[in-house]
């Protein structure tokens, strides 16, 4: 699961707490490999402030080219193509499910995760 997030997003923090604290969602999320993809700014102490900003901007541009998504938070359940995981510098495969914005209905989000895992 790709968790599109940003450092200063209140909605991202809300979703991250829900993913961590809601037992039903946590059980479903644990079925997937999870990656945080920061946009705008990557919080990595090994990067200079300028590098962290450039990495975040690159992530945002890549998402825009790949999925036409510029929203945080967004959760993408993705299955890479086994033979060609990247094509033209972008992830290649199929989207199993996608949710943009704050998770307003935890049960529906858990059901989305269950359905994606069954694909």
C-alpha atoms as a PDB file:
ATOM      1  CA  UNK A   1       0.000   0.000   0.000  1.00  0.00           C
ATOM      2  CA  UNK A   2       1.373   3.364  -1.015  1.00  0.00           C
ATOM      3  CA  UNK A   3       0.506   6.004   1.560  1.00  0.00           C
ATOM      4  CA  UNK A   4       0.784   9.399  -0.152  1.00  0.00           C
ATOM      5  CA  UNK A   5       1.378  11.829   2.674  1.00  0.00           C
ATOM      6  CA  UNK A   6       2.992  15.122   3.602  1.00  0.00           C
ATOM      7  CA  UNK A   7       4.681  16.407   6.701  1.00  0.00           C
ATOM      8  CA  UNK A   8       2.243  19.217   7.452  1.00  0.00           C
ATOM      9  CA  UNK A   9      -1.078  17.596   6.483  1.00  0.00           C
ATOM     10  CA  UNK A  10      -3.585  17.288   9.320  1.00  0.00           C
ATOM     11  CA  UNK A  11      -5.662  14.855   7.260  1.00  0.00           C
ATOM     12  CA  UNK A  12      -2.592  12.665   6.674  1.00  0.00           C
ATOM     13  CA  UNK A  13      -1.881  12.542  10.418  1.00  0.00           C
ATOM     14  CA  UNK A  14      -5.548  11.656  11.091  1.00  0.00           C
ATOM     15  CA  UNK A  15      -5.395   8.763   8.606  1.00  0.00           C
ATOM     16  CA  UNK A  16      -2.055   7.522   9.917  1.00  0.00           C
ATOM     17  CA  UNK A  17      -3.419   7.390  13.468  1.00  0.00           C
ATOM     18  CA  UNK A  18      -6.511   5.556  12.224  1.00  0.00           C
ATOM     19  CA  UNK A  19      -4.372   3.057  10.294  1.00  0.00           C
ATOM     20  CA  UNK A  20      -2.337   2.439  13.425  1.00  0.00           C
ATOM     21  CA  UNK A  21      -5.086   2.431  16.063  1.00  0.00           C
ATOM     22  CA  UNK A  22      -8.176   0.917  14.411  1.00  0.00           C
ATOM     23  CA  UNK A  23      -7.932  -2.860  14.939  1.00  0.00           C
ATOM     24  CA  UNK A  24     -10.040  -3.795  11.911  1.00  0.00           C
ATOM     25  CA  UNK A  25      -8.096  -1.514   9.564  1.00  0.00           C
ATOM     26  CA  UNK A  26      -4.732  -2.526  11.059  1.00  0.00           C
ATOM     27  CA  UNK A  27      -5.523  -6.214  10.424  1.00  0.00           C
ATOM     28  CA  UNK A  28      -6.284  -5.495   6.758  1.00  0.00           C
ATOM     29  CA  UNK A  29      -3.388  -3.077   6.220  1.00  0.00           C
ATOM     30  CA  UNK A  30      -0.936  -5.664   7.539  1.00  0.00           C
ATOM     31  CA  UNK A  31      -1.690  -7.848   4.497  1.00  0.00           C
ATOM     32  CA  UNK A  32       0.191  -5.359   2.327  1.00  0.00           C
ATOM     33  CA  UNK A  33       3.719  -4.031   2.062  1.00  0.00           C
ATOM     34  CA  UNK A  34       3.440  -0.409   3.146  1.00  0.00           C
ATOM     35  CA  UNK A  35       5.386   2.539   1.751  1.00  0.00           C
ATOM     36  CA  UNK A  36       5.081   6.191   2.768  1.00  0.00           C
ATOM     37  CA  UNK A  37       5.523   8.476  -0.229  1.00  0.00           C
ATOM     38  CA  UNK A  38       6.040  12.033   0.961  1.00  0.00           C
ATOM     39  CA  UNK A  39       5.144  14.906  -1.307  1.00  0.00           C
ATOM     40  CA  UNK A  40       6.320  18.524  -0.943  1.00  0.00           C
ATOM     41  CA  UNK A  41       9.095  17.624   1.547  1.00  0.00           C
ATOM     42  CA  UNK A  42      10.731  14.304   2.536  1.00  0.00           C
ATOM     43  CA  UNK A  43      11.465  14.141   6.298  1.00  0.00           C
ATOM     44  CA  UNK A  44      14.871  12.461   6.107  1.00  0.00           C
ATOM     45  CA  UNK A  45      17.616  13.847   8.337  1.00  0.00           C
ATOM     46  CA  UNK A  46      20.301  12.635   5.917  1.00  0.00           C
ATOM     47  CA  UNK A  47      19.006  15.103   3.294  1.00  0.00           C
ATOM     48  CA  UNK A  48      19.634  18.816   3.254  1.00  0.00           C
ATOM     49  CA  UNK A  49      16.517  20.976   3.373  1.00  0.00           C
ATOM     50  CA  UNK A  50      16.927  21.703  -0.336  1.00  0.00           C
ATOM     51  CA  UNK A  51      17.347  18.002  -1.190  1.00  0.00           C
ATOM     52  CA  UNK A  52      14.330  17.059   0.954  1.00  0.00           C
ATOM     53  CA  UNK A  53      12.222  19.629  -0.884  1.00  0.00           C
ATOM     54  CA  UNK A  54      13.442  18.443  -4.299  1.00  0.00           C
ATOM     55  CA  UNK A  55      12.700  14.784  -3.422  1.00  0.00           C
ATOM     56  CA  UNK A  56       9.186  15.686  -2.272  1.00  0.00           C
ATOM     57  CA  UNK A  57       8.558  17.713  -5.414  1.00  0.00           C
ATOM     58  CA  UNK A  58       9.837  14.829  -7.578  1.00  0.00           C
ATOM     59  CA  UNK A  59       7.445  12.450  -5.782  1.00  0.00           C
ATOM     60  CA  UNK A  60       4.561  14.841  -6.400  1.00  0.00           C
ATOM     61  CA  UNK A  61       5.401  15.198 -10.092  1.00  0.00           C
ATOM     62  CA  UNK A  62       5.764  11.424 -10.489  1.00  0.00           C
ATOM     63  CA  UNK A  63       2.318  10.876  -8.934  1.00  0.00           C
ATOM     64  CA  UNK A  64       0.847  13.479 -11.241  1.00  0.00           C
ATOM     65  CA  UNK A  65       2.336  11.782 -14.309  1.00  0.00           C
ATOM     66  CA  UNK A  66       1.544   8.244 -13.118  1.00  0.00           C
ATOM     67  CA  UNK A  67      -1.957   8.577 -11.682  1.00  0.00           C
ATOM     68  CA  UNK A  68      -2.942  12.200 -12.091  1.00  0.00           C
ATOM     69  CA  UNK A  69      -3.061  12.331  -8.271  1.00  0.00           C
ATOM     70  CA  UNK A  70      -1.871  15.373  -6.383  1.00  0.00           C
ATOM     71  CA  UNK A  71      -3.910  14.882  -3.223  1.00  0.00           C
ATOM     72  CA  UNK A  72      -2.682  13.960   0.205  1.00  0.00           C
ATOM     73  CA  UNK A  73      -3.560  11.800   1.847  1.00  0.00           C
ATOM     74  CA  UNK A  74      -4.123   9.113  -0.770  1.00  0.00           C
ATOM     75  CA  UNK A  75      -3.868   5.361  -0.253  1.00  0.00           C
ATOM     76  CA  UNK A  76      -3.100   3.234  -3.307  1.00  0.00           C
ATOM     77  CA  UNK A  77      -3.215  -0.559  -3.292  1.00  0.00           C
ATOM     78  CA  UNK A  78      -0.958  -1.517  -6.163  1.00  0.00           C
ATOM     79  CA  UNK A  79       0.338  -4.736  -7.657  1.00  0.00           C
ATOM     80  CA  UNK A  80       3.541  -4.379  -9.652  1.00  0.00           C
ATOM     81  CA  UNK A  81       3.871  -6.202 -12.955  1.00  0.00           C
ATOM     82  CA  UNK A  82       6.193  -9.153 -12.219  1.00  0.00           C
ATOM     83  CA  UNK A  83       7.946  -8.913 -15.592  1.00  0.00           C
ATOM     84  CA  UNK A  84       8.247  -5.129 -15.887  1.00  0.00           C
ATOM     85  CA  UNK A  85       7.693  -3.365 -12.541  1.00  0.00           C
ATOM     86  CA  UNK A  86       8.662   0.031 -13.990  1.00  0.00           C
ATOM     87  CA  UNK A  87       7.934   1.438 -17.426  1.00  0.00           C
ATOM     88  CA  UNK A  88       9.148   4.832 -18.623  1.00  0.00           C
ATOM     89  CA  UNK A  89      10.354   5.585 -15.096  1.00  0.00           C
ATOM     90  CA  UNK A  90       6.906   5.011 -13.555  1.00  0.00           C
ATOM     91  CA  UNK A  91       5.454   2.092 -11.595  1.00  0.00           C
ATOM     92  CA  UNK A  92       3.892  -0.473 -13.905  1.00  0.00           C
ATOM     93  CA  UNK A  93       1.123  -2.823 -12.847  1.00  0.00           C
ATOM     94  CA  UNK A  94      -2.460  -2.576 -11.725  1.00  0.00           C
ATOM     95  CA  UNK A  95      -4.268  -0.542  -9.129  1.00  0.00           C
ATOM     96  CA  UNK A  96      -6.279  -2.819  -6.855  1.00  0.00           C
ATOM     97  CA  UNK A  97      -7.944   0.060  -4.985  1.00  0.00           C
ATOM     98  CA  UNK A  98      -7.473   3.748  -4.283  1.00  0.00           C
ATOM     99  CA  UNK A  99      -8.792   6.127  -1.644  1.00  0.00           C
ATOM    100  CA  UNK A 100      -8.164   9.870  -1.627  1.00  0.00           C
ATOM    101  CA  UNK A 101      -8.715  12.175   1.333  1.00  0.00           C
ATOM    102  CA  UNK A 102      -9.492  11.663   4.971  1.00  0.00           C
ATOM    103  CA  UNK A 103     -10.888   8.267   5.955  1.00  0.00           C
ATOM    104  CA  UNK A 104     -14.410   9.230   7.041  1.00  0.00           C
ATOM    105  CA  UNK A 105     -15.804   5.677   7.185  1.00  0.00           C
ATOM    106  CA  UNK A 106     -13.320   3.207   8.732  1.00  0.00           C
ATOM    107  CA  UNK A 107     -15.532   0.179   8.009  1.00  0.00           C
ATOM    108  CA  UNK A 108     -15.799   1.063   4.317  1.00  0.00           C
ATOM    109  CA  UNK A 109     -12.034   1.606   4.166  1.00  0.00           C
ATOM    110  CA  UNK A 110     -11.413  -1.810   5.772  1.00  0.00           C
ATOM    111  CA  UNK A 111     -13.807  -3.371   3.253  1.00  0.00           C
ATOM    112  CA  UNK A 112     -11.902  -1.703   0.404  1.00  0.00           C
ATOM    113  CA  UNK A 113      -8.700  -3.255   1.754  1.00  0.00           C
ATOM    114  CA  UNK A 114     -10.327  -6.701   2.035  1.00  0.00           C
ATOM    115  CA  UNK A 115     -11.604  -6.493  -1.545  1.00  0.00           C
ATOM    116  CA  UNK A 116      -8.169  -5.445  -2.814  1.00  0.00           C
ATOM    117  CA  UNK A 117      -6.500  -8.335  -1.001  1.00  0.00           C
ATOM    118  CA  UNK A 118      -8.933 -10.755  -2.645  1.00  0.00           C
ATOM    119  CA  UNK A 119      -7.981  -9.625  -6.183  1.00  0.00           C
END
